[in-house]
């Protein structure tokens, strides 16, 4: 039997793309930071690797199942029409099987090798994203808030894997990820609102042609993020150096939203998006360095 290696490689690449590797990478970074911050003993590298493998499988499976559910919508949108399913490189049935298998494998791995709480959080992430957030996107702009919940759970899962619980420290991490996501996504929605309209997805900028509500949401969530990010210092978890860095980053993110309020256009929306992309890895790095130096 002749096997076309080019076809095999192309198919593997399509499955890899189905996991949204960029999104999955950020999930793994936030989970790894949560794991490291939750440690009260030296790193057990194999334990951490298994944790990240399990969380990564669930994250990739969630992305795949989301694309199965939204394949017809993706086909109508310019920014998503070349994804594996709408482009015909993978069938919906193949995507469903792939997403289901790797998601279940990830949850089982976490349950057997890590702990039940981490597996539970991974399952909640999957179920809330695929079965609550995904169908809500065509019905209400509130779906953005709902979708931020599963997006904020990975560092909690990492903390739970390292420590076996999810105390207030873990939920501060959740709060940071939750409030960071909202301005980030609203900036994307502003830039691609016409594309979202083609797909029938309800985003706030579509219901807010002048941008006033969108800007208020961006600024309000940036303010909430600034407050949440300073709680570790307020409660004695992080020091003054962290507080200074978090304040600078938070004020920079807030400033980008203020500029958008003054000049509501695509250029300023891109600045908000750029600020969000800088903010999260830098804040997580600050938290990590604080523990390294402690």
C-alpha atoms as a PDB file:
ATOM      1  CA  UNK A   1       0.000   0.000   0.000  1.00  0.00           C
ATOM      2  CA  UNK A   2       1.373   3.380  -1.057  1.00  0.00           C
ATOM      3  CA  UNK A   3       1.263   6.134   1.546  1.00  0.00           C
ATOM      4  CA  UNK A   4       1.501   9.724   0.410  1.00  0.00           C
ATOM      5  CA  UNK A   5       3.747  11.263   3.072  1.00  0.00           C
ATOM      6  CA  UNK A   6       2.836  14.778   2.004  1.00  0.00           C
ATOM      7  CA  UNK A   7      -0.847  14.014   2.586  1.00  0.00           C
ATOM      8  CA  UNK A   8      -0.088  12.486   5.984  1.00  0.00           C
ATOM      9  CA  UNK A   9       1.970  15.505   7.024  1.00  0.00           C
ATOM     10  CA  UNK A  10      -0.766  17.838   5.821  1.00  0.00           C
ATOM     11  CA  UNK A  11      -3.379  15.936   7.829  1.00  0.00           C
ATOM     12  CA  UNK A  12      -1.229  15.991  10.976  1.00  0.00           C
ATOM     13  CA  UNK A  13      -0.688  19.729  10.522  1.00  0.00           C
ATOM     14  CA  UNK A  14      -4.451  20.231  10.211  1.00  0.00           C
ATOM     15  CA  UNK A  15      -5.093  18.355  13.456  1.00  0.00           C
ATOM     16  CA  UNK A  16      -2.403  20.423  15.149  1.00  0.00           C
ATOM     17  CA  UNK A  17      -4.035  23.616  13.876  1.00  0.00           C
ATOM     18  CA  UNK A  18      -7.368  22.380  15.225  1.00  0.00           C
ATOM     19  CA  UNK A  19      -5.951  22.641  18.757  1.00  0.00           C
ATOM     20  CA  UNK A  20      -5.345  26.407  18.295  1.00  0.00           C
ATOM     21  CA  UNK A  21      -1.685  26.092  19.333  1.00  0.00           C
ATOM     22  CA  UNK A  22      -1.301  29.796  20.121  1.00  0.00           C
ATOM     23  CA  UNK A  23      -4.226  29.738  22.546  1.00  0.00           C
ATOM     24  CA  UNK A  24      -3.131  26.408  24.010  1.00  0.00           C
ATOM     25  CA  UNK A  25       0.374  27.775  24.544  1.00  0.00           C
ATOM     26  CA  UNK A  26      -1.004  30.689  26.593  1.00  0.00           C
ATOM     27  CA  UNK A  27      -3.155  28.249  28.583  1.00  0.00           C
ATOM     28  CA  UNK A  28      -0.031  26.225  29.370  1.00  0.00           C
ATOM     29  CA  UNK A  29       1.951  29.314  30.376  1.00  0.00           C
ATOM     30  CA  UNK A  30      -0.773  30.485  32.780  1.00  0.00           C
ATOM     31  CA  UNK A  31      -1.200  26.949  34.173  1.00  0.00           C
ATOM     32  CA  UNK A  32       2.564  26.592  34.650  1.00  0.00           C
ATOM     33  CA  UNK A  33       2.737  29.916  36.504  1.00  0.00           C
ATOM     34  CA  UNK A  34      -0.184  28.832  38.692  1.00  0.00           C
ATOM     35  CA  UNK A  35       1.605  25.544  39.388  1.00  0.00           C
ATOM     36  CA  UNK A  36       4.884  27.239  40.279  1.00  0.00           C
ATOM     37  CA  UNK A  37       3.248  29.845  42.524  1.00  0.00           C
ATOM     38  CA  UNK A  38       1.304  27.120  44.297  1.00  0.00           C
ATOM     39  CA  UNK A  39       4.378  25.049  45.170  1.00  0.00           C
ATOM     40  CA  UNK A  40       5.351  24.787  48.818  1.00  0.00           C
ATOM     41  CA  UNK A  41       8.190  22.346  48.061  1.00  0.00           C
ATOM     42  CA  UNK A  42      10.856  21.924  45.332  1.00  0.00           C
ATOM     43  CA  UNK A  43       9.572  21.372  41.794  1.00  0.00           C
ATOM     44  CA  UNK A  44       8.777  17.791  40.879  1.00  0.00           C
ATOM     45  CA  UNK A  45       9.464  18.113  37.160  1.00  0.00           C
ATOM     46  CA  UNK A  46       7.657  14.949  36.065  1.00  0.00           C
ATOM     47  CA  UNK A  47       4.587  15.893  38.097  1.00  0.00           C
ATOM     48  CA  UNK A  48       4.535  19.345  36.504  1.00  0.00           C
ATOM     49  CA  UNK A  49       5.020  17.874  33.016  1.00  0.00           C
ATOM     50  CA  UNK A  50       2.085  15.501  33.496  1.00  0.00           C
ATOM     51  CA  UNK A  51      -0.037  18.393  34.763  1.00  0.00           C
ATOM     52  CA  UNK A  52       0.755  20.505  31.729  1.00  0.00           C
ATOM     53  CA  UNK A  53       0.219  17.575  29.370  1.00  0.00           C
ATOM     54  CA  UNK A  54      -3.219  16.921  30.834  1.00  0.00           C
ATOM     55  CA  UNK A  55      -4.237  20.590  30.801  1.00  0.00           C
ATOM     56  CA  UNK A  56      -2.825  20.977  27.279  1.00  0.00           C
ATOM     57  CA  UNK A  57      -4.820  18.001  25.985  1.00  0.00           C
ATOM     58  CA  UNK A  58      -8.022  19.424  27.441  1.00  0.00           C
ATOM     59  CA  UNK A  59      -7.262  22.898  26.068  1.00  0.00           C
ATOM     60  CA  UNK A  60      -6.546  21.517  22.599  1.00  0.00           C
ATOM     61  CA  UNK A  61      -9.612  19.286  22.704  1.00  0.00           C
ATOM     62  CA  UNK A  62     -11.792  22.192  23.802  1.00  0.00           C
ATOM     63  CA  UNK A  63     -10.566  24.265  20.858  1.00  0.00           C
ATOM     64  CA  UNK A  64     -11.209  21.381  18.471  1.00  0.00           C
ATOM     65  CA  UNK A  65     -14.747  20.802  19.760  1.00  0.00           C
ATOM     66  CA  UNK A  66     -15.450  24.526  19.584  1.00  0.00           C
ATOM     67  CA  UNK A  67     -14.433  24.524  15.924  1.00  0.00           C
ATOM     68  CA  UNK A  68     -16.648  21.511  15.248  1.00  0.00           C
ATOM     69  CA  UNK A  69     -19.611  23.340  16.773  1.00  0.00           C
ATOM     70  CA  UNK A  70     -18.837  26.563  14.902  1.00  0.00           C
ATOM     71  CA  UNK A  71     -17.629  25.145  11.584  1.00  0.00           C
ATOM     72  CA  UNK A  72     -20.541  26.636   9.618  1.00  0.00           C
ATOM     73  CA  UNK A  73     -20.062  30.016  11.281  1.00  0.00           C
ATOM     74  CA  UNK A  74     -16.300  29.873  10.674  1.00  0.00           C
ATOM     75  CA  UNK A  75     -16.955  29.275   6.979  1.00  0.00           C
ATOM     76  CA  UNK A  76     -18.742  32.640   6.754  1.00  0.00           C
ATOM     77  CA  UNK A  77     -15.970  34.682   8.389  1.00  0.00           C
ATOM     78  CA  UNK A  78     -12.788  35.833   6.662  1.00  0.00           C
ATOM     79  CA  UNK A  79     -10.567  35.367   9.718  1.00  0.00           C
ATOM     80  CA  UNK A  80     -11.740  31.770  10.289  1.00  0.00           C
ATOM     81  CA  UNK A  81     -12.738  30.371   6.886  1.00  0.00           C
ATOM     82  CA  UNK A  82      -9.317  28.754   6.395  1.00  0.00           C
ATOM     83  CA  UNK A  83      -9.503  26.718   9.601  1.00  0.00           C
ATOM     84  CA  UNK A  84      -9.218  22.932   9.097  1.00  0.00           C
ATOM     85  CA  UNK A  85     -12.940  22.086   9.081  1.00  0.00           C
ATOM     86  CA  UNK A  86     -14.434  24.896   6.936  1.00  0.00           C
ATOM     87  CA  UNK A  87     -11.518  24.565   4.500  1.00  0.00           C
ATOM     88  CA  UNK A  88     -12.282  20.850   4.102  1.00  0.00           C
ATOM     89  CA  UNK A  89      -8.949  19.538   5.364  1.00  0.00           C
ATOM     90  CA  UNK A  90     -10.691  17.716   8.223  1.00  0.00           C
ATOM     91  CA  UNK A  91     -14.318  16.581   8.412  1.00  0.00           C
ATOM     92  CA  UNK A  92     -16.616  17.533  11.288  1.00  0.00           C
ATOM     93  CA  UNK A  93     -16.748  13.859  12.297  1.00  0.00           C
ATOM     94  CA  UNK A  94     -12.954  13.625  12.412  1.00  0.00           C
ATOM     95  CA  UNK A  95     -12.763  16.840  14.411  1.00  0.00           C
ATOM     96  CA  UNK A  96     -15.400  15.616  16.861  1.00  0.00           C
ATOM     97  CA  UNK A  97     -13.600  12.307  17.393  1.00  0.00           C
ATOM     98  CA  UNK A  98     -10.214  13.987  17.793  1.00  0.00           C
ATOM     99  CA  UNK A  99     -11.446  16.647  20.203  1.00  0.00           C
ATOM    100  CA  UNK A 100     -13.401  14.164  22.295  1.00  0.00           C
ATOM    101  CA  UNK A 101     -10.555  11.660  22.572  1.00  0.00           C
ATOM    102  CA  UNK A 102      -7.829  14.114  23.581  1.00  0.00           C
ATOM    103  CA  UNK A 103     -10.136  15.965  26.001  1.00  0.00           C
ATOM    104  CA  UNK A 104     -11.142  12.770  27.797  1.00  0.00           C
ATOM    105  CA  UNK A 105      -7.527  11.587  27.787  1.00  0.00           C
ATOM    106  CA  UNK A 106      -6.446  14.849  29.427  1.00  0.00           C
ATOM    107  CA  UNK A 107      -9.126  14.721  32.135  1.00  0.00           C
ATOM    108  CA  UNK A 108      -8.431  11.048  32.909  1.00  0.00           C
ATOM    109  CA  UNK A 109      -4.676  11.709  33.040  1.00  0.00           C
ATOM    110  CA  UNK A 110      -5.194  14.570  35.496  1.00  0.00           C
ATOM    111  CA  UNK A 111      -7.559  12.502  37.644  1.00  0.00           C
ATOM    112  CA  UNK A 112      -5.316   9.430  37.794  1.00  0.00           C
ATOM    113  CA  UNK A 113      -1.884  11.067  38.018  1.00  0.00           C
ATOM    114  CA  UNK A 114      -2.529  14.472  39.620  1.00  0.00           C
ATOM    115  CA  UNK A 115      -5.723  14.886  41.652  1.00  0.00           C
ATOM    116  CA  UNK A 116      -9.491  15.029  41.361  1.00  0.00           C
ATOM    117  CA  UNK A 117      -9.717  18.811  41.808  1.00  0.00           C
ATOM    118  CA  UNK A 118      -7.440  19.543  38.859  1.00  0.00           C
ATOM    119  CA  UNK A 119      -9.374  17.077  36.697  1.00  0.00           C
ATOM    120  CA  UNK A 120     -12.654  18.676  37.809  1.00  0.00           C
ATOM    121  CA  UNK A 121     -11.442  22.179  36.916  1.00  0.00           C
ATOM    122  CA  UNK A 122     -10.306  20.945  33.496  1.00  0.00           C
ATOM    123  CA  UNK A 123     -13.710  19.337  32.921  1.00  0.00           C
ATOM    124  CA  UNK A 124     -15.509  22.538  33.968  1.00  0.00           C
ATOM    125  CA  UNK A 125     -13.337  24.490  31.538  1.00  0.00           C
ATOM    126  CA  UNK A 126     -14.251  22.147  28.696  1.00  0.00           C
ATOM    127  CA  UNK A 127     -17.970  21.925  29.423  1.00  0.00           C
ATOM    128  CA  UNK A 128     -18.518  25.625  30.091  1.00  0.00           C
ATOM    129  CA  UNK A 129     -16.629  26.680  26.966  1.00  0.00           C
ATOM    130  CA  UNK A 130     -18.163  24.204  24.534  1.00  0.00           C
ATOM    131  CA  UNK A 131     -21.696  23.822  25.886  1.00  0.00           C
ATOM    132  CA  UNK A 132     -22.406  27.233  27.445  1.00  0.00           C
ATOM    133  CA  UNK A 133     -20.163  29.889  25.923  1.00  0.00           C
ATOM    134  CA  UNK A 134     -20.151  28.591  22.342  1.00  0.00           C
ATOM    135  CA  UNK A 135     -23.948  28.507  21.818  1.00  0.00           C
ATOM    136  CA  UNK A 136     -24.377  31.814  23.704  1.00  0.00           C
ATOM    137  CA  UNK A 137     -22.189  33.671  21.199  1.00  0.00           C
ATOM    138  CA  UNK A 138     -25.056  33.892  18.699  1.00  0.00           C
ATOM    139  CA  UNK A 139     -27.616  34.967  21.298  1.00  0.00           C
ATOM    140  CA  UNK A 140     -26.176  37.618  23.590  1.00  0.00           C
ATOM    141  CA  UNK A 141     -23.181  39.900  24.019  1.00  0.00           C
ATOM    142  CA  UNK A 142     -22.995  38.662  27.632  1.00  0.00           C
ATOM    143  CA  UNK A 143     -21.326  35.554  26.214  1.00  0.00           C
ATOM    144  CA  UNK A 144     -18.029  37.469  26.375  1.00  0.00           C
ATOM    145  CA  UNK A 145     -18.247  37.521  30.185  1.00  0.00           C
ATOM    146  CA  UNK A 146     -19.255  33.852  30.310  1.00  0.00           C
ATOM    147  CA  UNK A 147     -16.394  32.878  28.008  1.00  0.00           C
ATOM    148  CA  UNK A 148     -13.897  34.613  30.277  1.00  0.00           C
ATOM    149  CA  UNK A 149     -14.651  32.081  33.041  1.00  0.00           C
ATOM    150  CA  UNK A 150     -13.144  28.983  31.362  1.00  0.00           C
ATOM    151  CA  UNK A 151     -10.370  31.189  30.030  1.00  0.00           C
ATOM    152  CA  UNK A 152      -9.404  32.147  33.585  1.00  0.00           C
ATOM    153  CA  UNK A 153      -9.385  28.629  35.077  1.00  0.00           C
ATOM    154  CA  UNK A 154      -6.008  27.250  33.833  1.00  0.00           C
ATOM    155  CA  UNK A 155      -3.851  28.947  36.522  1.00  0.00           C
ATOM    156  CA  UNK A 156      -6.308  27.711  39.159  1.00  0.00           C
ATOM    157  CA  UNK A 157      -5.851  24.210  37.752  1.00  0.00           C
ATOM    158  CA  UNK A 158      -2.088  24.618  37.893  1.00  0.00           C
ATOM    159  CA  UNK A 159      -2.262  25.797  41.515  1.00  0.00           C
ATOM    160  CA  UNK A 160      -4.576  22.888  42.443  1.00  0.00           C
ATOM    161  CA  UNK A 161      -2.179  20.413  40.842  1.00  0.00           C
ATOM    162  CA  UNK A 162       0.773  21.721  42.849  1.00  0.00           C
ATOM    163  CA  UNK A 163      -0.982  22.208  46.160  1.00  0.00           C
ATOM    164  CA  UNK A 164      -4.087  20.031  46.143  1.00  0.00           C
ATOM    165  CA  UNK A 165      -6.436  22.927  46.879  1.00  0.00           C
ATOM    166  CA  UNK A 166      -7.628  26.223  45.394  1.00  0.00           C
ATOM    167  CA  UNK A 167      -7.409  28.893  48.090  1.00  0.00           C
ATOM    168  CA  UNK A 168      -7.757  32.661  47.682  1.00  0.00           C
ATOM    169  CA  UNK A 169      -4.333  32.959  46.031  1.00  0.00           C
ATOM    170  CA  UNK A 170      -5.553  30.786  43.162  1.00  0.00           C
ATOM    171  CA  UNK A 171      -8.695  32.868  42.796  1.00  0.00           C
ATOM    172  CA  UNK A 172      -6.661  36.064  42.597  1.00  0.00           C
ATOM    173  CA  UNK A 173      -4.947  34.474  39.607  1.00  0.00           C
ATOM    174  CA  UNK A 174      -8.404  33.645  38.248  1.00  0.00           C
ATOM    175  CA  UNK A 175      -9.434  37.288  38.690  1.00  0.00           C
ATOM    176  CA  UNK A 176      -6.379  38.555  36.834  1.00  0.00           C
ATOM    177  CA  UNK A 177      -7.038  36.275  33.863  1.00  0.00           C
ATOM    178  CA  UNK A 178     -10.778  37.001  33.931  1.00  0.00           C
ATOM    179  CA  UNK A 179     -10.538  40.801  33.863  1.00  0.00           C
ATOM    180  CA  UNK A 180      -7.577  40.779  31.477  1.00  0.00           C
ATOM    181  CA  UNK A 181      -9.569  38.867  28.873  1.00  0.00           C
ATOM    182  CA  UNK A 182     -12.497  41.275  28.622  1.00  0.00           C
ATOM    183  CA  UNK A 183     -10.684  44.349  27.216  1.00  0.00           C
ATOM    184  CA  UNK A 184      -8.537  41.992  25.134  1.00  0.00           C
ATOM    185  CA  UNK A 185     -11.550  40.411  23.462  1.00  0.00           C
ATOM    186  CA  UNK A 186     -13.487  43.674  23.131  1.00  0.00           C
ATOM    187  CA  UNK A 187     -10.546  45.135  21.217  1.00  0.00           C
ATOM    188  CA  UNK A 188     -10.595  42.126  18.886  1.00  0.00           C
ATOM    189  CA  UNK A 189     -14.379  42.437  18.501  1.00  0.00           C
ATOM    190  CA  UNK A 190     -13.990  46.129  17.638  1.00  0.00           C
ATOM    191  CA  UNK A 191     -11.455  45.350  14.916  1.00  0.00           C
ATOM    192  CA  UNK A 192     -13.395  42.427  13.433  1.00  0.00           C
ATOM    193  CA  UNK A 193     -16.990  43.443  14.099  1.00  0.00           C
ATOM    194  CA  UNK A 194     -17.932  43.214  10.397  1.00  0.00           C
ATOM    195  CA  UNK A 195     -16.587  39.667  10.290  1.00  0.00           C
ATOM    196  CA  UNK A 196     -18.497  38.756  13.449  1.00  0.00           C
ATOM    197  CA  UNK A 197     -21.631  40.191  11.845  1.00  0.00           C
ATOM    198  CA  UNK A 198     -21.164  37.870   8.864  1.00  0.00           C
ATOM    199  CA  UNK A 199     -20.972  34.917  11.239  1.00  0.00           C
ATOM    200  CA  UNK A 200     -24.000  36.027  13.257  1.00  0.00           C
ATOM    201  CA  UNK A 201     -21.958  36.328  16.469  1.00  0.00           C
ATOM    202  CA  UNK A 202     -23.231  38.877  18.962  1.00  0.00           C
ATOM    203  CA  UNK A 203     -20.408  41.100  20.163  1.00  0.00           C
ATOM    204  CA  UNK A 204     -20.797  44.415  21.966  1.00  0.00           C
ATOM    205  CA  UNK A 205     -19.260  46.637  19.247  1.00  0.00           C
ATOM    206  CA  UNK A 206     -22.011  45.489  16.848  1.00  0.00           C
ATOM    207  CA  UNK A 207     -24.718  46.694  19.230  1.00  0.00           C
ATOM    208  CA  UNK A 208     -22.729  49.842  20.027  1.00  0.00           C
ATOM    209  CA  UNK A 209     -22.023  51.649  16.721  1.00  0.00           C
ATOM    210  CA  UNK A 210     -20.437  54.703  18.367  1.00  0.00           C
ATOM    211  CA  UNK A 211     -18.312  52.652  20.734  1.00  0.00           C
ATOM    212  CA  UNK A 212     -19.336  54.384  23.969  1.00  0.00           C
ATOM    213  CA  UNK A 213     -20.473  51.222  25.792  1.00  0.00           C
ATOM    214  CA  UNK A 214     -17.508  49.239  24.512  1.00  0.00           C
ATOM    215  CA  UNK A 215     -15.059  51.850  25.751  1.00  0.00           C
ATOM    216  CA  UNK A 216     -16.761  51.970  29.174  1.00  0.00           C
ATOM    217  CA  UNK A 217     -16.481  48.191  29.406  1.00  0.00           C
ATOM    218  CA  UNK A 218     -12.800  48.288  28.452  1.00  0.00           C
ATOM    219  CA  UNK A 219     -11.951  51.011  30.960  1.00  0.00           C
ATOM    220  CA  UNK A 220     -14.075  49.472  33.733  1.00  0.00           C
ATOM    221  CA  UNK A 221     -12.466  46.066  33.346  1.00  0.00           C
ATOM    222  CA  UNK A 222      -8.977  47.576  33.160  1.00  0.00           C
ATOM    223  CA  UNK A 223      -9.697  49.346  36.465  1.00  0.00           C
ATOM    224  CA  UNK A 224     -10.947  46.097  38.015  1.00  0.00           C
ATOM    225  CA  UNK A 225      -7.839  44.323  36.746  1.00  0.00           C
ATOM    226  CA  UNK A 226      -5.603  46.993  38.288  1.00  0.00           C
ATOM    227  CA  UNK A 227      -7.259  46.497  41.679  1.00  0.00           C
ATOM    228  CA  UNK A 228      -7.186  42.684  41.499  1.00  0.00           C
ATOM    229  CA  UNK A 229      -3.533  42.665  40.428  1.00  0.00           C
ATOM    230  CA  UNK A 230      -2.546  44.661  43.537  1.00  0.00           C
ATOM    231  CA  UNK A 231      -4.318  42.357  46.009  1.00  0.00           C
ATOM    232  CA  UNK A 232      -1.289  40.041  46.346  1.00  0.00           C
ATOM    233  CA  UNK A 233       0.664  42.947  47.842  1.00  0.00           C
ATOM    234  CA  UNK A 234      -2.261  44.207  49.943  1.00  0.00           C
ATOM    235  CA  UNK A 235      -2.550  40.780  51.579  1.00  0.00           C
ATOM    236  CA  UNK A 236       1.185  40.214  51.948  1.00  0.00           C
ATOM    237  CA  UNK A 237       1.642  37.591  49.243  1.00  0.00           C
ATOM    238  CA  UNK A 238       3.819  39.722  46.942  1.00  0.00           C
ATOM    239  CA  UNK A 239       6.198  42.577  47.732  1.00  0.00           C
ATOM    240  CA  UNK A 240       6.600  46.233  46.787  1.00  0.00           C
ATOM    241  CA  UNK A 241       8.605  45.517  43.603  1.00  0.00           C
ATOM    242  CA  UNK A 242       5.759  43.379  42.289  1.00  0.00           C
ATOM    243  CA  UNK A 243       3.222  46.063  43.265  1.00  0.00           C
ATOM    244  CA  UNK A 244       5.170  48.732  41.384  1.00  0.00           C
ATOM    245  CA  UNK A 245       5.424  46.588  38.249  1.00  0.00           C
ATOM    246  CA  UNK A 246       1.761  45.544  38.416  1.00  0.00           C
ATOM    247  CA  UNK A 247       0.703  49.177  38.830  1.00  0.00           C
ATOM    248  CA  UNK A 248       2.785  50.300  35.835  1.00  0.00           C
ATOM    249  CA  UNK A 249       1.409  47.508  33.654  1.00  0.00           C
ATOM    250  CA  UNK A 250      -2.168  48.056  34.811  1.00  0.00           C
ATOM    251  CA  UNK A 251      -2.000  51.813  34.294  1.00  0.00           C
ATOM    252  CA  UNK A 252      -0.525  51.271  30.830  1.00  0.00           C
ATOM    253  CA  UNK A 253      -3.397  48.947  29.902  1.00  0.00           C
ATOM    254  CA  UNK A 254      -5.881  51.465  31.332  1.00  0.00           C
ATOM    255  CA  UNK A 255      -4.224  54.310  29.431  1.00  0.00           C
ATOM    256  CA  UNK A 256      -4.689  52.448  26.150  1.00  0.00           C
ATOM    257  CA  UNK A 257      -8.413  52.242  26.927  1.00  0.00           C
ATOM    258  CA  UNK A 258      -8.523  55.951  27.791  1.00  0.00           C
ATOM    259  CA  UNK A 259      -6.880  56.785  24.453  1.00  0.00           C
ATOM    260  CA  UNK A 260      -9.544  54.727  22.709  1.00  0.00           C
ATOM    261  CA  UNK A 261     -12.234  56.758  24.513  1.00  0.00           C
ATOM    262  CA  UNK A 262     -10.654  59.961  23.215  1.00  0.00           C
ATOM    263  CA  UNK A 263     -10.205  58.690  19.655  1.00  0.00           C
ATOM    264  CA  UNK A 264     -12.527  55.731  19.028  1.00  0.00           C
ATOM    265  CA  UNK A 265     -11.044  54.154  15.916  1.00  0.00           C
ATOM    266  CA  UNK A 266      -9.363  50.964  14.751  1.00  0.00           C
ATOM    267  CA  UNK A 267      -5.860  52.305  15.313  1.00  0.00           C
ATOM    268  CA  UNK A 268      -6.521  52.905  19.005  1.00  0.00           C
ATOM    269  CA  UNK A 269      -8.350  49.566  19.320  1.00  0.00           C
ATOM    270  CA  UNK A 270      -5.170  47.906  18.031  1.00  0.00           C
ATOM    271  CA  UNK A 271      -3.244  49.737  20.746  1.00  0.00           C
ATOM    272  CA  UNK A 272      -5.571  48.238  23.370  1.00  0.00           C
ATOM    273  CA  UNK A 273      -4.990  44.801  21.849  1.00  0.00           C
ATOM    274  CA  UNK A 274      -1.230  45.372  21.810  1.00  0.00           C
ATOM    275  CA  UNK A 275      -1.290  46.526  25.445  1.00  0.00           C
ATOM    276  CA  UNK A 276      -3.219  43.386  26.413  1.00  0.00           C
ATOM    277  CA  UNK A 277      -0.718  41.142  24.652  1.00  0.00           C
ATOM    278  CA  UNK A 278       2.136  42.806  26.556  1.00  0.00           C
ATOM    279  CA  UNK A 279       0.349  42.911  29.896  1.00  0.00           C
ATOM    280  CA  UNK A 280      -0.336  39.267  30.681  1.00  0.00           C
ATOM    281  CA  UNK A 281       3.069  37.635  30.091  1.00  0.00           C
ATOM    282  CA  UNK A 282       4.816  40.523  31.854  1.00  0.00           C
ATOM    283  CA  UNK A 283       2.562  40.332  34.907  1.00  0.00           C
ATOM    284  CA  UNK A 284       2.934  36.548  35.120  1.00  0.00           C
ATOM    285  CA  UNK A 285       6.710  36.998  34.802  1.00  0.00           C
ATOM    286  CA  UNK A 286       6.624  39.494  37.686  1.00  0.00           C
ATOM    287  CA  UNK A 287       4.786  36.986  39.864  1.00  0.00           C
ATOM    288  CA  UNK A 288       7.251  34.254  38.947  1.00  0.00           C
ATOM    289  CA  UNK A 289      10.305  36.399  39.628  1.00  0.00           C
ATOM    290  CA  UNK A 290       8.891  37.437  42.988  1.00  0.00           C
ATOM    291  CA  UNK A 291       8.720  33.798  44.064  1.00  0.00           C
ATOM    292  CA  UNK A 292      12.163  33.052  42.619  1.00  0.00           C
ATOM    293  CA  UNK A 293      13.672  35.856  44.668  1.00  0.00           C
ATOM    294  CA  UNK A 294      11.659  35.207  47.824  1.00  0.00           C
END
